[in-house]
Amino acid sequence: MQEGQFFTWEALSAMGGASLLTFFIVQYSKGLLDRVVSNLPTDIYAVLVAYMVLLAAQLATGAEALDWRLYVLTFANSFLVAAAAGQIQTKSQHPPAMQKEERP
């Protein structure tokens, strides 16, 4: 996804777009969810969000809804997307130190 570009269904089918949207959804909704379901770990919630993002993207781009393989593969990929979203979270809280050449 390029800077200044909105999400597309194709971008949400890829690791970068799916993990970024998963990160945003989890960040903006986790506080509200904690009030309702206080014992749901964030990583499990991220997998559920990733599953929904990936499934919606696959169905929107023409995947066959009655094909069981869609759901199994989406389930497996949702763990990868949630892990990538977790890395985005880590980088946002602890950005890498600037190299000596990059310092002003």
PDB file of N, CA and C in Angstrom:
ATOM      1  N   MET A   1       0.845  -1.172   0.000  1.00  0.00           N
ATOM      2  CA  MET A   1       0.000   0.000   0.000  1.00  0.00           C
ATOM      3  C   MET A   1       0.889   1.234   0.000  1.00  0.00           C
ATOM      4  N   GLN A   2       0.640   2.150  -0.906  1.00  0.00           N
ATOM      5  CA  GLN A   2       1.459   3.342  -1.012  1.00  0.00           C
ATOM      6  C   GLN A   2       0.899   4.443  -0.127  1.00  0.00           C
ATOM      7  N   GLU A   3       1.767   5.370   0.225  1.00  0.00           N
ATOM      8  CA  GLU A   3       1.365   6.484   1.080  1.00  0.00           C
ATOM      9  C   GLU A   3       0.245   7.273   0.406  1.00  0.00           C
ATOM     10  N   GLY A   4      -0.770   7.618   1.176  1.00  0.00           N
ATOM     11  CA  GLY A   4      -1.883   8.401   0.658  1.00  0.00           C
ATOM     12  C   GLY A   4      -2.933   7.572  -0.059  1.00  0.00           C
ATOM     13  N   GLN A   5      -2.789   6.263  -0.085  1.00  0.00           N
ATOM     14  CA  GLN A   5      -3.727   5.394  -0.774  1.00  0.00           C
ATOM     15  C   GLN A   5      -4.648   4.724   0.248  1.00  0.00           C
ATOM     16  N   PHE A   6      -5.924   4.628  -0.079  1.00  0.00           N
ATOM     17  CA  PHE A   6      -6.884   3.966   0.791  1.00  0.00           C
ATOM     18  C   PHE A   6      -6.773   2.450   0.639  1.00  0.00           C
ATOM     19  N   PHE A   7      -7.377   1.729   1.588  1.00  0.00           N
ATOM     20  CA  PHE A   7      -7.428   0.280   1.495  1.00  0.00           C
ATOM     21  C   PHE A   7      -8.261  -0.132   0.281  1.00  0.00           C
ATOM     22  N   THR A   8      -7.867  -1.222  -0.323  1.00  0.00           N
ATOM     23  CA  THR A   8      -8.667  -1.880  -1.355  1.00  0.00           C
ATOM     24  C   THR A   8      -8.853  -3.323  -0.901  1.00  0.00           C
ATOM     25  N   TRP A   9      -9.789  -4.026  -1.526  1.00  0.00           N
ATOM     26  CA  TRP A   9      -9.983  -5.435  -1.148  1.00  0.00           C
ATOM     27  C   TRP A   9      -8.729  -6.244  -1.455  1.00  0.00           C
ATOM     28  N   GLU A  10      -8.048  -5.888  -2.533  1.00  0.00           N
ATOM     29  CA  GLU A  10      -6.815  -6.599  -2.876  1.00  0.00           C
ATOM     30  C   GLU A  10      -5.737  -6.332  -1.832  1.00  0.00           C
ATOM     31  N   ALA A  11      -5.637  -5.085  -1.377  1.00  0.00           N
ATOM     32  CA  ALA A  11      -4.640  -4.755  -0.343  1.00  0.00           C
ATOM     33  C   ALA A  11      -4.956  -5.467   0.965  1.00  0.00           C
ATOM     34  N   LEU A  12      -6.225  -5.618   1.284  1.00  0.00           N
ATOM     35  CA  LEU A  12      -6.606  -6.309   2.515  1.00  0.00           C
ATOM     36  C   LEU A  12      -6.396  -7.819   2.413  1.00  0.00           C
ATOM     37  N   SER A  13      -6.230  -8.323   1.203  1.00  0.00           N
ATOM     38  CA  SER A  13      -5.917  -9.733   1.023  1.00  0.00           C
ATOM     39  C   SER A  13      -4.432 -10.018   1.228  1.00  0.00           C
ATOM     40  N   ALA A  14      -3.624  -8.973   1.258  1.00  0.00           N
ATOM     41  CA  ALA A  14      -2.173  -9.118   1.420  1.00  0.00           C
ATOM     42  C   ALA A  14      -1.776  -8.883   2.876  1.00  0.00           C
ATOM     43  N   MET A  15      -0.608  -9.351   3.229  1.00  0.00           N
ATOM     44  CA  MET A  15      -0.126  -9.262   4.612  1.00  0.00           C
ATOM     45  C   MET A  15      -0.072  -7.821   5.113  1.00  0.00           C
ATOM     46  N   GLY A  16       0.466  -6.920   4.329  1.00  0.00           N
ATOM     47  CA  GLY A  16       0.621  -5.535   4.771  1.00  0.00           C
ATOM     48  C   GLY A  16      -0.695  -4.850   5.079  1.00  0.00           C
ATOM     49  N   GLY A  17      -1.631  -4.929   4.149  1.00  0.00           N
ATOM     50  CA  GLY A  17      -2.919  -4.283   4.351  1.00  0.00           C
ATOM     51  C   GLY A  17      -3.733  -4.917   5.459  1.00  0.00           C
ATOM     52  N   ALA A  18      -3.753  -6.253   5.493  1.00  0.00           N
ATOM     53  CA  ALA A  18      -4.523  -6.961   6.518  1.00  0.00           C
ATOM     54  C   ALA A  18      -3.959  -6.706   7.913  1.00  0.00           C
ATOM     55  N   SER A  19      -2.641  -6.713   8.043  1.00  0.00           N
ATOM     56  CA  SER A  19      -2.047  -6.494   9.370  1.00  0.00           C
ATOM     57  C   SER A  19      -2.232  -5.054   9.829  1.00  0.00           C
ATOM     58  N   LEU A  20      -2.146  -4.096   8.904  1.00  0.00           N
ATOM     59  CA  LEU A  20      -2.345  -2.702   9.285  1.00  0.00           C
ATOM     60  C   LEU A  20      -3.782  -2.453   9.736  1.00  0.00           C
ATOM     61  N   LEU A  21      -4.754  -2.966   8.989  1.00  0.00           N
ATOM     62  CA  LEU A  21      -6.152  -2.779   9.391  1.00  0.00           C
ATOM     63  C   LEU A  21      -6.440  -3.518  10.693  1.00  0.00           C
ATOM     64  N   THR A  22      -5.883  -4.707  10.860  1.00  0.00           N
ATOM     65  CA  THR A  22      -6.048  -5.442  12.117  1.00  0.00           C
ATOM     66  C   THR A  22      -5.499  -4.629  13.281  1.00  0.00           C
ATOM     67  N   PHE A  23      -4.316  -4.061  13.103  1.00  0.00           N
ATOM     68  CA  PHE A  23      -3.717  -3.214  14.137  1.00  0.00           C
ATOM     69  C   PHE A  23      -4.651  -2.055  14.497  1.00  0.00           C
ATOM     70  N   PHE A  24      -5.163  -1.354  13.496  1.00  0.00           N
ATOM     71  CA  PHE A  24      -6.049  -0.210  13.759  1.00  0.00           C
ATOM     72  C   PHE A  24      -7.329  -0.640  14.475  1.00  0.00           C
ATOM     73  N   ILE A  25      -7.960  -1.693  14.009  1.00  0.00           N
ATOM     74  CA  ILE A  25      -9.209  -2.140  14.632  1.00  0.00           C
ATOM     75  C   ILE A  25      -8.977  -2.537  16.083  1.00  0.00           C
ATOM     76  N   VAL A  26      -7.923  -3.298  16.342  1.00  0.00           N
ATOM     77  CA  VAL A  26      -7.634  -3.727  17.712  1.00  0.00           C
ATOM     78  C   VAL A  26      -7.328  -2.520  18.594  1.00  0.00           C
ATOM     79  N   GLN A  27      -6.528  -1.591  18.103  1.00  0.00           N
ATOM     80  CA  GLN A  27      -6.156  -0.429  18.912  1.00  0.00           C
ATOM     81  C   GLN A  27      -7.364   0.431  19.265  1.00  0.00           C
ATOM     82  N   TYR A  28      -8.240   0.631  18.305  1.00  0.00           N
ATOM     83  CA  TYR A  28      -9.378   1.510  18.542  1.00  0.00           C
ATOM     84  C   TYR A  28     -10.537   0.841  19.280  1.00  0.00           C
ATOM     85  N   SER A  29     -10.584  -0.488  19.290  1.00  0.00           N
ATOM     86  CA  SER A  29     -11.729  -1.144  19.910  1.00  0.00           C
ATOM     87  C   SER A  29     -11.397  -1.942  21.169  1.00  0.00           C
ATOM     88  N   LYS A  30     -10.138  -2.153  21.475  1.00  0.00           N
ATOM     89  CA  LYS A  30      -9.761  -3.002  22.613  1.00  0.00           C
ATOM     90  C   LYS A  30     -10.264  -2.428  23.937  1.00  0.00           C
ATOM     91  N   GLY A  31     -10.198  -1.130  24.130  1.00  0.00           N
ATOM     92  CA  GLY A  31     -10.676  -0.524  25.368  1.00  0.00           C
ATOM     93  C   GLY A  31     -12.155  -0.784  25.597  1.00  0.00           C
ATOM     94  N   LEU A  32     -12.937  -0.637  24.554  1.00  0.00           N
ATOM     95  CA  LEU A  32     -14.372  -0.900  24.651  1.00  0.00           C
ATOM     96  C   LEU A  32     -14.628  -2.383  24.906  1.00  0.00           C
ATOM     97  N   LEU A  33     -13.909  -3.232  24.201  1.00  0.00           N
ATOM     98  CA  LEU A  33     -14.090  -4.671  24.385  1.00  0.00           C
ATOM     99  C   LEU A  33     -13.726  -5.101  25.806  1.00  0.00           C
ATOM    100  N   ASP A  34     -12.687  -4.496  26.377  1.00  0.00           N
ATOM    101  CA  ASP A  34     -12.272  -4.837  27.746  1.00  0.00           C
ATOM    102  C   ASP A  34     -13.374  -4.559  28.764  1.00  0.00           C
ATOM    103  N   ARG A  35     -14.216  -3.569  28.472  1.00  0.00           N
ATOM    104  CA  ARG A  35     -15.328  -3.266  29.383  1.00  0.00           C
ATOM    105  C   ARG A  35     -16.407  -4.341  29.340  1.00  0.00           C
ATOM    106  N   VAL A  36     -16.541  -4.991  28.183  1.00  0.00           N
ATOM    107  CA  VAL A  36     -17.582  -6.001  27.998  1.00  0.00           C
ATOM    108  C   VAL A  36     -17.061  -7.400  28.324  1.00  0.00           C
ATOM    109  N   VAL A  37     -15.901  -7.728  27.787  1.00  0.00           N
ATOM    110  CA  VAL A  37     -15.292  -9.052  27.973  1.00  0.00           C
ATOM    111  C   VAL A  37     -13.887  -8.824  28.523  1.00  0.00           C
ATOM    112  N   SER A  38     -13.772  -8.752  29.822  1.00  0.00           N
ATOM    113  CA  SER A  38     -12.501  -8.350  30.424  1.00  0.00           C
ATOM    114  C   SER A  38     -11.427  -9.428  30.395  1.00  0.00           C
ATOM    115  N   ASN A  39     -11.778 -10.675  30.155  1.00  0.00           N
ATOM    116  CA  ASN A  39     -10.778 -11.734  30.223  1.00  0.00           C
ATOM    117  C   ASN A  39     -10.320 -12.243  28.857  1.00  0.00           C
ATOM    118  N   LEU A  40     -10.613 -11.543  27.768  1.00  0.00           N
ATOM    119  CA  LEU A  40     -10.174 -11.949  26.442  1.00  0.00           C
ATOM    120  C   LEU A  40      -8.792 -11.367  26.172  1.00  0.00           C
ATOM    121  N   PRO A  41      -7.774 -12.218  26.021  1.00  0.00           N
ATOM    122  CA  PRO A  41      -6.425 -11.700  25.752  1.00  0.00           C
ATOM    123  C   PRO A  41      -6.371 -10.948  24.418  1.00  0.00           C
ATOM    124  N   THR A  42      -5.556  -9.917  24.371  1.00  0.00           N
ATOM    125  CA  THR A  42      -5.455  -9.090  23.177  1.00  0.00           C
ATOM    126  C   THR A  42      -4.980  -9.894  21.971  1.00  0.00           C
ATOM    127  N   ASP A  43      -4.065 -10.827  22.167  1.00  0.00           N
ATOM    128  CA  ASP A  43      -3.577 -11.593  21.023  1.00  0.00           C
ATOM    129  C   ASP A  43      -4.664 -12.480  20.413  1.00  0.00           C
ATOM    130  N   ILE A  44      -5.523 -13.031  21.230  1.00  0.00           N
ATOM    131  CA  ILE A  44      -6.649 -13.826  20.709  1.00  0.00           C
ATOM    132  C   ILE A  44      -7.641 -12.914  19.987  1.00  0.00           C
ATOM    133  N   TYR A  45      -7.891 -11.753  20.564  1.00  0.00           N
ATOM    134  CA  TYR A  45      -8.771 -10.778  19.913  1.00  0.00           C
ATOM    135  C   TYR A  45      -8.196 -10.368  18.560  1.00  0.00           C
ATOM    136  N   ALA A  46      -6.887 -10.174  18.482  1.00  0.00           N
ATOM    137  CA  ALA A  46      -6.246  -9.798  17.215  1.00  0.00           C
ATOM    138  C   ALA A  46      -6.402 -10.902  16.174  1.00  0.00           C
ATOM    139  N   VAL A  47      -6.315 -12.161  16.581  1.00  0.00           N
ATOM    140  CA  VAL A  47      -6.516 -13.275  15.643  1.00  0.00           C
ATOM    141  C   VAL A  47      -7.951 -13.266  15.122  1.00  0.00           C
ATOM    142  N   LEU A  48      -8.911 -13.018  15.994  1.00  0.00           N
ATOM    143  CA  LEU A  48     -10.316 -12.962  15.568  1.00  0.00           C
ATOM    144  C   LEU A  48     -10.554 -11.810  14.591  1.00  0.00           C
ATOM    145  N   VAL A  49      -9.980 -10.657  14.887  1.00  0.00           N
ATOM    146  CA  VAL A  49     -10.115  -9.501  13.985  1.00  0.00           C
ATOM    147  C   VAL A  49      -9.453  -9.809  12.648  1.00  0.00           C
ATOM    148  N   ALA A  50      -8.257 -10.363  12.691  1.00  0.00           N
ATOM    149  CA  ALA A  50      -7.540 -10.707  11.450  1.00  0.00           C
ATOM    150  C   ALA A  50      -8.351 -11.695  10.616  1.00  0.00           C
ATOM    151  N   TYR A  51      -8.957 -12.666  11.269  1.00  0.00           N
ATOM    152  CA  TYR A  51      -9.783 -13.648  10.561  1.00  0.00           C
ATOM    153  C   TYR A  51     -10.924 -12.950   9.823  1.00  0.00           C
ATOM    154  N   MET A  52     -11.595 -12.030  10.500  1.00  0.00           N
ATOM    155  CA  MET A  52     -12.717 -11.328   9.872  1.00  0.00           C
ATOM    156  C   MET A  52     -12.248 -10.446   8.713  1.00  0.00           C
ATOM    157  N   VAL A  53     -11.119  -9.763   8.888  1.00  0.00           N
ATOM    158  CA  VAL A  53     -10.575  -8.914   7.818  1.00  0.00           C
ATOM    159  C   VAL A  53     -10.219  -9.764   6.603  1.00  0.00           C
ATOM    160  N   LEU A  54      -9.488 -10.846   6.828  1.00  0.00           N
ATOM    161  CA  LEU A  54      -9.073 -11.711   5.718  1.00  0.00           C
ATOM    162  C   LEU A  54     -10.264 -12.378   5.040  1.00  0.00           C
ATOM    163  N   LEU A  55     -11.208 -12.853   5.825  1.00  0.00           N
ATOM    164  CA  LEU A  55     -12.384 -13.512   5.252  1.00  0.00           C
ATOM    165  C   LEU A  55     -13.200 -12.537   4.415  1.00  0.00           C
ATOM    166  N   ALA A  56     -13.409 -11.338   4.921  1.00  0.00           N
ATOM    167  CA  ALA A  56     -14.156 -10.330   4.155  1.00  0.00           C
ATOM    168  C   ALA A  56     -13.429  -9.991   2.858  1.00  0.00           C
ATOM    169  N   ALA A  57     -12.110  -9.850   2.925  1.00  0.00           N
ATOM    170  CA  ALA A  57     -11.337  -9.519   1.724  1.00  0.00           C
ATOM    171  C   ALA A  57     -11.408 -10.644   0.696  1.00  0.00           C
ATOM    172  N   GLN A  58     -11.293 -11.880   1.153  1.00  0.00           N
ATOM    173  CA  GLN A  58     -11.345 -13.017   0.229  1.00  0.00           C
ATOM    174  C   GLN A  58     -12.721 -13.140  -0.431  1.00  0.00           C
ATOM    175  N   LEU A  59     -13.765 -12.982   0.359  1.00  0.00           N
ATOM    176  CA  LEU A  59     -15.118 -13.066  -0.201  1.00  0.00           C
ATOM    177  C   LEU A  59     -15.394 -11.902  -1.148  1.00  0.00           C
ATOM    178  N   ALA A  60     -14.891 -10.722  -0.815  1.00  0.00           N
ATOM    179  CA  ALA A  60     -15.113  -9.548  -1.660  1.00  0.00           C
ATOM    180  C   ALA A  60     -14.378  -9.640  -2.991  1.00  0.00           C
ATOM    181  N   THR A  61     -13.291 -10.402  -3.009  1.00  0.00           N
ATOM    182  CA  THR A  61     -12.533 -10.537  -4.258  1.00  0.00           C
ATOM    183  C   THR A  61     -12.917 -11.783  -5.045  1.00  0.00           C
ATOM    184  N   GLY A  62     -14.009 -12.446  -4.641  1.00  0.00           N
ATOM    185  CA  GLY A  62     -14.549 -13.517  -5.459  1.00  0.00           C
ATOM    186  C   GLY A  62     -14.325 -14.936  -4.987  1.00  0.00           C
ATOM    187  N   ALA A  63     -13.831 -15.123  -3.781  1.00  0.00           N
ATOM    188  CA  ALA A  63     -13.652 -16.485  -3.272  1.00  0.00           C
ATOM    189  C   ALA A  63     -15.009 -17.164  -3.119  1.00  0.00           C
ATOM    190  N   GLU A  64     -15.017 -18.456  -3.289  1.00  0.00           N
ATOM    191  CA  GLU A  64     -16.245 -19.243  -3.185  1.00  0.00           C
ATOM    192  C   GLU A  64     -16.602 -19.458  -1.718  1.00  0.00           C
ATOM    193  N   ALA A  65     -17.732 -18.935  -1.290  1.00  0.00           N
ATOM    194  CA  ALA A  65     -18.132 -18.997   0.122  1.00  0.00           C
ATOM    195  C   ALA A  65     -18.381 -20.422   0.608  1.00  0.00           C
ATOM    196  N   LEU A  66     -18.684 -21.342  -0.279  1.00  0.00           N
ATOM    197  CA  LEU A  66     -18.976 -22.712   0.131  1.00  0.00           C
ATOM    198  C   LEU A  66     -17.745 -23.619   0.127  1.00  0.00           C
ATOM    199  N   ASP A  67     -16.591 -23.068  -0.210  1.00  0.00           N
ATOM    200  CA  ASP A  67     -15.351 -23.850  -0.249  1.00  0.00           C
ATOM    201  C   ASP A  67     -14.715 -23.871   1.137  1.00  0.00           C
ATOM    202  N   TRP A  68     -14.666 -25.033   1.756  1.00  0.00           N
ATOM    203  CA  TRP A  68     -14.134 -25.169   3.117  1.00  0.00           C
ATOM    204  C   TRP A  68     -12.677 -24.735   3.212  1.00  0.00           C
ATOM    205  N   ARG A  69     -11.924 -24.865   2.118  1.00  0.00           N
ATOM    206  CA  ARG A  69     -10.502 -24.491   2.140  1.00  0.00           C
ATOM    207  C   ARG A  69     -10.306 -23.010   2.424  1.00  0.00           C
ATOM    208  N   LEU A  70     -11.257 -22.182   2.003  1.00  0.00           N
ATOM    209  CA  LEU A  70     -11.197 -20.750   2.280  1.00  0.00           C
ATOM    210  C   LEU A  70     -11.119 -20.493   3.778  1.00  0.00           C
ATOM    211  N   TYR A  71     -11.926 -21.168   4.543  1.00  0.00           N
ATOM    212  CA  TYR A  71     -12.005 -20.942   5.984  1.00  0.00           C
ATOM    213  C   TYR A  71     -10.788 -21.496   6.725  1.00  0.00           C
ATOM    214  N   VAL A  72     -10.283 -22.629   6.282  1.00  0.00           N
ATOM    215  CA  VAL A  72      -9.098 -23.213   6.915  1.00  0.00           C
ATOM    216  C   VAL A  72      -7.869 -22.346   6.647  1.00  0.00           C
ATOM    217  N   LEU A  73      -7.689 -21.946   5.404  1.00  0.00           N
ATOM    218  CA  LEU A  73      -6.534 -21.114   5.064  1.00  0.00           C
ATOM    219  C   LEU A  73      -6.629 -19.734   5.707  1.00  0.00           C
ATOM    220  N   THR A  74      -7.811 -19.177   5.745  1.00  0.00           N
ATOM    221  CA  THR A  74      -8.007 -17.885   6.409  1.00  0.00           C
ATOM    222  C   THR A  74      -7.694 -17.997   7.893  1.00  0.00           C
ATOM    223  N   PHE A  75      -8.091 -19.087   8.517  1.00  0.00           N
ATOM    224  CA  PHE A  75      -7.784 -19.313   9.929  1.00  0.00           C
ATOM    225  C   PHE A  75      -6.274 -19.350  10.150  1.00  0.00           C
ATOM    226  N   ALA A  76      -5.559 -20.099   9.329  1.00  0.00           N
ATOM    227  CA  ALA A  76      -4.105 -20.187   9.461  1.00  0.00           C
ATOM    228  C   ALA A  76      -3.446 -18.830   9.230  1.00  0.00           C
ATOM    229  N   ASN A  77      -3.869 -18.136   8.193  1.00  0.00           N
ATOM    230  CA  ASN A  77      -3.280 -16.831   7.881  1.00  0.00           C
ATOM    231  C   ASN A  77      -3.600 -15.775   8.926  1.00  0.00           C
ATOM    232  N   SER A  78      -4.711 -15.930   9.626  1.00  0.00           N
ATOM    233  CA  SER A  78      -5.071 -14.925  10.636  1.00  0.00           C
ATOM    234  C   SER A  78      -4.046 -14.873  11.766  1.00  0.00           C
ATOM    235  N   PHE A  79      -3.384 -15.982  12.060  1.00  0.00           N
ATOM    236  CA  PHE A  79      -2.334 -15.968  13.076  1.00  0.00           C
ATOM    237  C   PHE A  79      -1.120 -15.178  12.589  1.00  0.00           C
ATOM    238  N   LEU A  80      -0.776 -15.320  11.312  1.00  0.00           N
ATOM    239  CA  LEU A  80       0.340 -14.566  10.753  1.00  0.00           C
ATOM    240  C   LEU A  80       0.039 -13.072  10.746  1.00  0.00           C
ATOM    241  N   VAL A  81      -1.171 -12.727  10.332  1.00  0.00           N
ATOM    242  CA  VAL A  81      -1.568 -11.315  10.285  1.00  0.00           C
ATOM    243  C   VAL A  81      -1.602 -10.718  11.690  1.00  0.00           C
ATOM    244  N   ALA A  82      -2.133 -11.448  12.653  1.00  0.00           N
ATOM    245  CA  ALA A  82      -2.173 -10.950  14.038  1.00  0.00           C
ATOM    246  C   ALA A  82      -0.767 -10.762  14.586  1.00  0.00           C
ATOM    247  N   ALA A  83       0.147 -11.670  14.252  1.00  0.00           N
ATOM    248  CA  ALA A  83       1.534 -11.521  14.700  1.00  0.00           C
ATOM    249  C   ALA A  83       2.178 -10.284  14.072  1.00  0.00           C
ATOM    250  N   ALA A  84       1.913 -10.044  12.796  1.00  0.00           N
ATOM    251  CA  ALA A  84       2.443  -8.848  12.136  1.00  0.00           C
ATOM    252  C   ALA A  84       1.841  -7.587  12.741  1.00  0.00           C
ATOM    253  N   ALA A  85       0.559  -7.620  13.067  1.00  0.00           N
ATOM    254  CA  ALA A  85      -0.081  -6.472  13.719  1.00  0.00           C
ATOM    255  C   ALA A  85       0.544  -6.229  15.089  1.00  0.00           C
ATOM    256  N   GLY A  86       0.903  -7.292  15.792  1.00  0.00           N
ATOM    257  CA  GLY A  86       1.589  -7.155  17.073  1.00  0.00           C
ATOM    258  C   GLY A  86       2.944  -6.496  16.919  1.00  0.00           C
ATOM    259  N   GLN A  87       3.631  -6.792  15.823  1.00  0.00           N
ATOM    260  CA  GLN A  87       4.921  -6.144  15.566  1.00  0.00           C
ATOM    261  C   GLN A  87       4.737  -4.651  15.272  1.00  0.00           C
ATOM    262  N   ILE A  88       3.662  -4.306  14.581  1.00  0.00           N
ATOM    263  CA  ILE A  88       3.361  -2.891  14.349  1.00  0.00           C
ATOM    264  C   ILE A  88       3.146  -2.196  15.692  1.00  0.00           C
ATOM    265  N   GLN A  89       2.420  -2.865  16.591  1.00  0.00           N
ATOM    266  CA  GLN A  89       2.184  -2.322  17.932  1.00  0.00           C
ATOM    267  C   GLN A  89       3.507  -2.105  18.659  1.00  0.00           C
ATOM    268  N   THR A  90       4.381  -3.093  18.615  1.00  0.00           N
ATOM    269  CA  THR A  90       5.675  -2.992  19.288  1.00  0.00           C
ATOM    270  C   THR A  90       6.494  -1.841  18.719  1.00  0.00           C
ATOM    271  N   LYS A  91       6.546  -1.730  17.400  1.00  0.00           N
ATOM    272  CA  LYS A  91       7.311  -0.645  16.757  1.00  0.00           C
ATOM    273  C   LYS A  91       6.727   0.714  17.076  1.00  0.00           C
ATOM    274  N   SER A  92       5.402   0.797  17.218  1.00  0.00           N
ATOM    275  CA  SER A  92       4.795   2.098  17.516  1.00  0.00           C
ATOM    276  C   SER A  92       5.087   2.535  18.950  1.00  0.00           C
ATOM    277  N   GLN A  93       5.238   1.573  19.844  1.00  0.00           N
ATOM    278  CA  GLN A  93       5.547   1.909  21.230  1.00  0.00           C
ATOM    279  C   GLN A  93       7.041   2.075  21.470  1.00  0.00           C
ATOM    280  N   HIS A  94       7.856   1.341  20.728  1.00  0.00           N
ATOM    281  CA  HIS A  94       9.311   1.377  20.896  1.00  0.00           C
ATOM    282  C   HIS A  94       9.969   1.494  19.534  1.00  0.00           C
ATOM    283  N   PRO A  95       9.965   2.701  18.947  1.00  0.00           N
ATOM    284  CA  PRO A  95      10.562   2.843  17.616  1.00  0.00           C
ATOM    285  C   PRO A  95      12.060   2.557  17.663  1.00  0.00           C
ATOM    286  N   PRO A  96      12.599   2.035  16.562  1.00  0.00           N
ATOM    287  CA  PRO A  96      14.025   1.752  16.531  1.00  0.00           C
ATOM    288  C   PRO A  96      14.831   3.033  16.708  1.00  0.00           C
ATOM    289  N   ALA A  97      15.959   2.928  17.367  1.00  0.00           N
ATOM    290  CA  ALA A  97      16.828   4.096  17.585  1.00  0.00           C
ATOM    291  C   ALA A  97      17.382   4.580  16.251  1.00  0.00           C
ATOM    292  N   MET A  98      17.531   5.865  16.151  1.00  0.00           N
ATOM    293  CA  MET A  98      18.087   6.437  14.927  1.00  0.00           C
ATOM    294  C   MET A  98      19.575   6.120  14.858  1.00  0.00           C
ATOM    295  N   GLN A  99      20.042   5.842  13.660  1.00  0.00           N
ATOM    296  CA  GLN A  99      21.459   5.605  13.435  1.00  0.00           C
ATOM    297  C   GLN A  99      22.198   6.938  13.523  1.00  0.00           C
ATOM    298  N   LYS A 100      23.496   6.901  13.782  1.00  0.00           N
ATOM    299  CA  LYS A 100      24.296   8.137  13.893  1.00  0.00           C
ATOM    300  C   LYS A 100      24.195   8.985  12.629  1.00  0.00           C
ATOM    301  N   GLU A 101      24.171   8.342  11.445  1.00  0.00           N
ATOM    302  CA  GLU A 101      24.105   9.094  10.189  1.00  0.00           C
ATOM    303  C   GLU A 101      22.763   9.796  10.028  1.00  0.00           C
ATOM    304  N   GLU A 102      21.704   9.288  10.646  1.00  0.00           N
ATOM    305  CA  GLU A 102      20.370   9.839  10.480  1.00  0.00           C
ATOM    306  C   GLU A 102      20.083  10.983  11.446  1.00  0.00           C
ATOM    307  N   ARG A 103      20.887  11.133  12.474  1.00  0.00           N
ATOM    308  CA  ARG A 103      20.634  12.180  13.455  1.00  0.00           C
ATOM    309  C   ARG A 103      20.905  13.543  12.860  1.00  0.00           C
ATOM    310  N   PRO A 104      20.105  14.552  13.231  1.00  0.00           N
ATOM    311  CA  PRO A 104      20.319  15.906  12.684  1.00  0.00           C
ATOM    312  C   PRO A 104      21.577  16.541  13.200  1.00  0.00           C
TER     313      PRO A 104
END
